[in-house]
Amino acid sequence: MLVRERVKNQLGYPEAAKDMIKPKSLFTAVEQYSMGTSRSLDDYLQIVGLNMNTKEVTYTAWCETGMPPPGFEKYEHLYQA
């Protein structure tokens, strides 16, 4: 249960804000286990169609149809059958 709250905090769930989670030791070394630095969490969530505030999933046609996600069109040649 505690680890889930840590992960929810890392993913930006509003109900898992740092000031709402106890014990605070859950955040020990949290920066070492992040989502990485290739893109911001907001950019990633938009690409995969997730909204943590409204708990909605957007249809991601690019994934369903085997096309590159928005912003990655330069890799379209890799998706050719």
N, C-alpha and C. Protein backbone atom coordinates (compact mmCIF):
# COMPACT_ATOMS: atom_id res chain seq x y z
N MET A 1 0.82 -1.18 0.00
CA MET A 1 0.00 0.00 0.00
C MET A 1 0.87 1.26 0.00
N LEU A 2 1.94 1.27 0.78
CA LEU A 2 2.79 2.45 0.87
C LEU A 2 3.53 2.72 -0.43
N VAL A 3 4.03 1.67 -1.07
CA VAL A 3 4.76 1.85 -2.32
C VAL A 3 3.83 2.42 -3.39
N ARG A 4 2.58 1.98 -3.39
CA ARG A 4 1.61 2.50 -4.36
C ARG A 4 1.46 4.01 -4.22
N GLU A 5 1.43 4.51 -3.00
CA GLU A 5 1.30 5.96 -2.78
C GLU A 5 2.53 6.70 -3.31
N ARG A 6 3.70 6.11 -3.15
CA ARG A 6 4.93 6.71 -3.67
C ARG A 6 4.88 6.80 -5.19
N VAL A 7 4.46 5.72 -5.84
CA VAL A 7 4.37 5.69 -7.30
C VAL A 7 3.30 6.68 -7.78
N LYS A 8 2.17 6.72 -7.10
CA LYS A 8 1.12 7.67 -7.48
C LYS A 8 1.62 9.10 -7.35
N ASN A 9 2.42 9.38 -6.35
CA ASN A 9 3.01 10.70 -6.21
C ASN A 9 3.93 11.00 -7.39
N GLN A 10 4.75 10.04 -7.78
CA GLN A 10 5.67 10.24 -8.90
C GLN A 10 4.92 10.45 -10.21
N LEU A 11 3.74 9.87 -10.34
CA LEU A 11 2.96 10.01 -11.56
C LEU A 11 2.04 11.23 -11.55
N GLY A 12 2.00 11.95 -10.44
CA GLY A 12 1.27 13.20 -10.41
C GLY A 12 -0.18 13.12 -9.98
N TYR A 13 -0.58 12.04 -9.33
CA TYR A 13 -1.95 11.97 -8.82
C TYR A 13 -2.13 13.06 -7.76
N PRO A 14 -3.17 13.90 -7.88
CA PRO A 14 -3.34 14.98 -6.91
C PRO A 14 -3.55 14.49 -5.48
N GLU A 15 -4.22 13.37 -5.31
CA GLU A 15 -4.48 12.86 -3.96
C GLU A 15 -3.24 12.24 -3.33
N ALA A 16 -2.15 12.16 -4.08
CA ALA A 16 -0.90 11.61 -3.55
C ALA A 16 0.17 12.69 -3.49
N ALA A 17 -0.25 13.93 -3.27
CA ALA A 17 0.71 15.02 -3.13
C ALA A 17 1.62 14.75 -1.94
N LYS A 18 2.83 15.25 -2.02
CA LYS A 18 3.84 14.95 -1.00
C LYS A 18 3.39 15.31 0.41
N ASP A 19 2.62 16.40 0.53
CA ASP A 19 2.19 16.82 1.87
C ASP A 19 1.04 15.98 2.41
N MET A 20 0.49 15.07 1.60
CA MET A 20 -0.62 14.24 2.03
C MET A 20 -0.21 12.81 2.38
N ILE A 21 1.04 12.47 2.15
CA ILE A 21 1.49 11.09 2.33
C ILE A 21 2.35 10.97 3.59
N LYS A 22 2.06 9.95 4.36
CA LYS A 22 2.85 9.62 5.55
C LYS A 22 3.12 8.13 5.52
N PRO A 23 4.24 7.67 5.93
CA PRO A 23 5.36 8.39 6.49
C PRO A 23 6.19 9.07 5.40
N LYS A 24 6.84 10.14 5.77
CA LYS A 24 7.67 10.89 4.82
C LYS A 24 8.87 10.08 4.35
N SER A 25 9.21 9.03 5.07
CA SER A 25 10.34 8.19 4.66
C SER A 25 10.07 7.51 3.31
N LEU A 26 8.83 7.51 2.85
CA LEU A 26 8.53 6.96 1.53
C LEU A 26 9.26 7.71 0.42
N PHE A 27 9.65 8.94 0.71
CA PHE A 27 10.30 9.75 -0.30
C PHE A 27 11.82 9.71 -0.23
N THR A 28 12.36 8.80 0.57
CA THR A 28 13.80 8.64 0.66
C THR A 28 14.33 8.19 -0.70
N ALA A 29 15.27 8.93 -1.25
CA ALA A 29 15.91 8.64 -2.54
C ALA A 29 14.92 8.57 -3.70
N VAL A 30 13.79 9.24 -3.60
CA VAL A 30 12.78 9.18 -4.66
C VAL A 30 13.31 9.72 -5.99
N GLU A 31 14.21 10.69 -5.93
CA GLU A 31 14.75 11.26 -7.17
C GLU A 31 15.63 10.25 -7.93
N GLN A 32 16.13 9.24 -7.25
CA GLN A 32 16.94 8.22 -7.92
C GLN A 32 16.09 7.24 -8.72
N TYR A 33 14.81 7.22 -8.46
CA TYR A 33 13.91 6.28 -9.13
C TYR A 33 12.79 7.05 -9.83
N SER A 34 13.20 7.96 -10.69
CA SER A 34 12.24 8.82 -11.37
C SER A 34 11.89 8.25 -12.74
N MET A 35 11.11 9.01 -13.46
CA MET A 35 10.70 8.61 -14.81
C MET A 35 11.80 8.87 -15.83
N GLY A 36 12.90 9.45 -15.41
CA GLY A 36 13.99 9.74 -16.33
C GLY A 36 13.98 11.20 -16.76
N THR A 37 14.83 11.53 -17.73
CA THR A 37 14.99 12.91 -18.15
C THR A 37 14.78 13.13 -19.64
N SER A 38 14.36 12.11 -20.37
CA SER A 38 14.17 12.26 -21.82
C SER A 38 13.03 13.22 -22.15
N ARG A 39 12.00 13.22 -21.32
CA ARG A 39 10.87 14.12 -21.51
C ARG A 39 10.24 14.37 -20.15
N SER A 40 9.46 15.42 -20.07
CA SER A 40 8.79 15.71 -18.79
C SER A 40 7.67 14.71 -18.57
N LEU A 41 7.27 14.58 -17.32
CA LEU A 41 6.16 13.68 -17.00
C LEU A 41 4.91 14.14 -17.72
N ASP A 42 4.66 15.45 -17.78
CA ASP A 42 3.47 15.96 -18.47
C ASP A 42 3.49 15.58 -19.95
N ASP A 43 4.65 15.69 -20.60
CA ASP A 43 4.76 15.31 -22.01
C ASP A 43 4.48 13.81 -22.18
N TYR A 44 5.04 13.00 -21.31
CA TYR A 44 4.83 11.56 -21.39
C TYR A 44 3.35 11.20 -21.22
N LEU A 45 2.72 11.79 -20.21
CA LEU A 45 1.31 11.49 -19.97
C LEU A 45 0.44 11.92 -21.14
N GLN A 46 0.79 13.03 -21.78
CA GLN A 46 0.03 13.48 -22.95
C GLN A 46 0.22 12.50 -24.11
N ILE A 47 1.43 12.04 -24.33
CA ILE A 47 1.70 11.10 -25.43
C ILE A 47 0.91 9.81 -25.24
N VAL A 48 0.88 9.29 -24.01
CA VAL A 48 0.19 8.02 -23.77
C VAL A 48 -1.29 8.19 -23.45
N GLY A 49 -1.76 9.45 -23.40
CA GLY A 49 -3.18 9.70 -23.25
C GLY A 49 -3.73 9.55 -21.85
N LEU A 50 -2.94 9.87 -20.83
CA LEU A 50 -3.40 9.76 -19.45
C LEU A 50 -3.53 11.13 -18.81
N ASN A 51 -4.63 11.33 -18.07
CA ASN A 51 -4.83 12.56 -17.32
C ASN A 51 -5.03 12.16 -15.87
N MET A 52 -4.04 12.43 -15.04
CA MET A 52 -4.10 12.02 -13.64
C MET A 52 -5.07 12.85 -12.82
N ASN A 53 -5.34 14.08 -13.24
CA ASN A 53 -6.28 14.93 -12.50
C ASN A 53 -7.72 14.47 -12.67
N THR A 54 -8.09 14.16 -13.91
CA THR A 54 -9.48 13.76 -14.18
C THR A 54 -9.65 12.25 -14.22
N LYS A 55 -8.57 11.52 -14.13
CA LYS A 55 -8.57 10.05 -14.18
C LYS A 55 -9.18 9.56 -15.50
N GLU A 56 -8.80 10.23 -16.59
CA GLU A 56 -9.31 9.87 -17.91
C GLU A 56 -8.18 9.32 -18.78
N VAL A 57 -8.56 8.43 -19.68
CA VAL A 57 -7.65 7.89 -20.67
C VAL A 57 -8.15 8.35 -22.03
N THR A 58 -7.28 9.00 -22.78
CA THR A 58 -7.63 9.46 -24.12
C THR A 58 -7.29 8.35 -25.11
N TYR A 59 -8.15 8.18 -26.09
CA TYR A 59 -7.87 7.19 -27.14
C TYR A 59 -6.59 7.58 -27.86
N THR A 60 -5.67 6.68 -27.89
CA THR A 60 -4.39 6.93 -28.55
C THR A 60 -4.33 6.14 -29.85
N ALA A 61 -4.92 6.71 -30.87
CA ALA A 61 -5.00 6.04 -32.16
C ALA A 61 -3.64 5.64 -32.69
N TRP A 62 -2.63 6.44 -32.40
CA TRP A 62 -1.30 6.12 -32.90
C TRP A 62 -0.85 4.76 -32.41
N CYS A 63 -1.18 4.41 -31.19
CA CYS A 63 -0.79 3.12 -30.63
C CYS A 63 -1.64 1.99 -31.21
N GLU A 64 -2.93 2.25 -31.30
CA GLU A 64 -3.86 1.23 -31.80
C GLU A 64 -3.63 0.90 -33.28
N THR A 65 -3.13 1.87 -34.03
CA THR A 65 -2.95 1.67 -35.47
C THR A 65 -1.50 1.39 -35.86
N GLY A 66 -0.60 1.39 -34.86
CA GLY A 66 0.80 1.09 -35.16
C GLY A 66 1.55 2.23 -35.80
N MET A 67 1.21 3.46 -35.43
CA MET A 67 1.88 4.64 -35.97
C MET A 67 2.70 5.28 -34.84
N PRO A 68 3.68 6.12 -35.19
CA PRO A 68 4.44 6.79 -34.15
C PRO A 68 3.58 7.82 -33.41
N PRO A 69 3.84 8.06 -32.15
CA PRO A 69 3.06 9.04 -31.40
C PRO A 69 3.32 10.46 -31.89
N PRO A 70 2.44 11.40 -31.55
CA PRO A 70 2.64 12.80 -31.95
C PRO A 70 4.01 13.31 -31.50
N GLY A 71 4.68 13.97 -32.42
CA GLY A 71 6.02 14.49 -32.13
C GLY A 71 7.13 13.54 -32.53
N PHE A 72 6.78 12.32 -32.94
CA PHE A 72 7.78 11.32 -33.32
C PHE A 72 7.60 10.89 -34.78
N GLU A 73 7.01 11.76 -35.58
CA GLU A 73 6.75 11.44 -36.98
C GLU A 73 8.02 11.12 -37.76
N LYS A 74 9.16 11.65 -37.32
CA LYS A 74 10.41 11.37 -38.03
C LYS A 74 10.78 9.89 -38.00
N TYR A 75 10.14 9.13 -37.10
CA TYR A 75 10.40 7.69 -37.01
C TYR A 75 9.34 6.86 -37.74
N GLU A 76 8.53 7.51 -38.52
CA GLU A 76 7.43 6.80 -39.21
C GLU A 76 7.95 5.66 -40.10
N HIS A 77 9.13 5.84 -40.67
CA HIS A 77 9.69 4.80 -41.52
C HIS A 77 9.94 3.49 -40.75
N LEU A 78 10.07 3.56 -39.44
CA LEU A 78 10.28 2.36 -38.63
C LEU A 78 8.99 1.58 -38.40
N TYR A 79 7.86 2.21 -38.69
CA TYR A 79 6.56 1.58 -38.44
C TYR A 79 5.95 0.96 -39.70
N GLN A 80 6.67 1.01 -40.79
CA GLN A 80 6.15 0.44 -42.04
C GLN A 80 6.15 -1.08 -41.95
N ALA A 81 5.07 -1.65 -42.43
CA ALA A 81 4.94 -3.12 -42.39
C ALA A 81 5.75 -3.80 -43.46
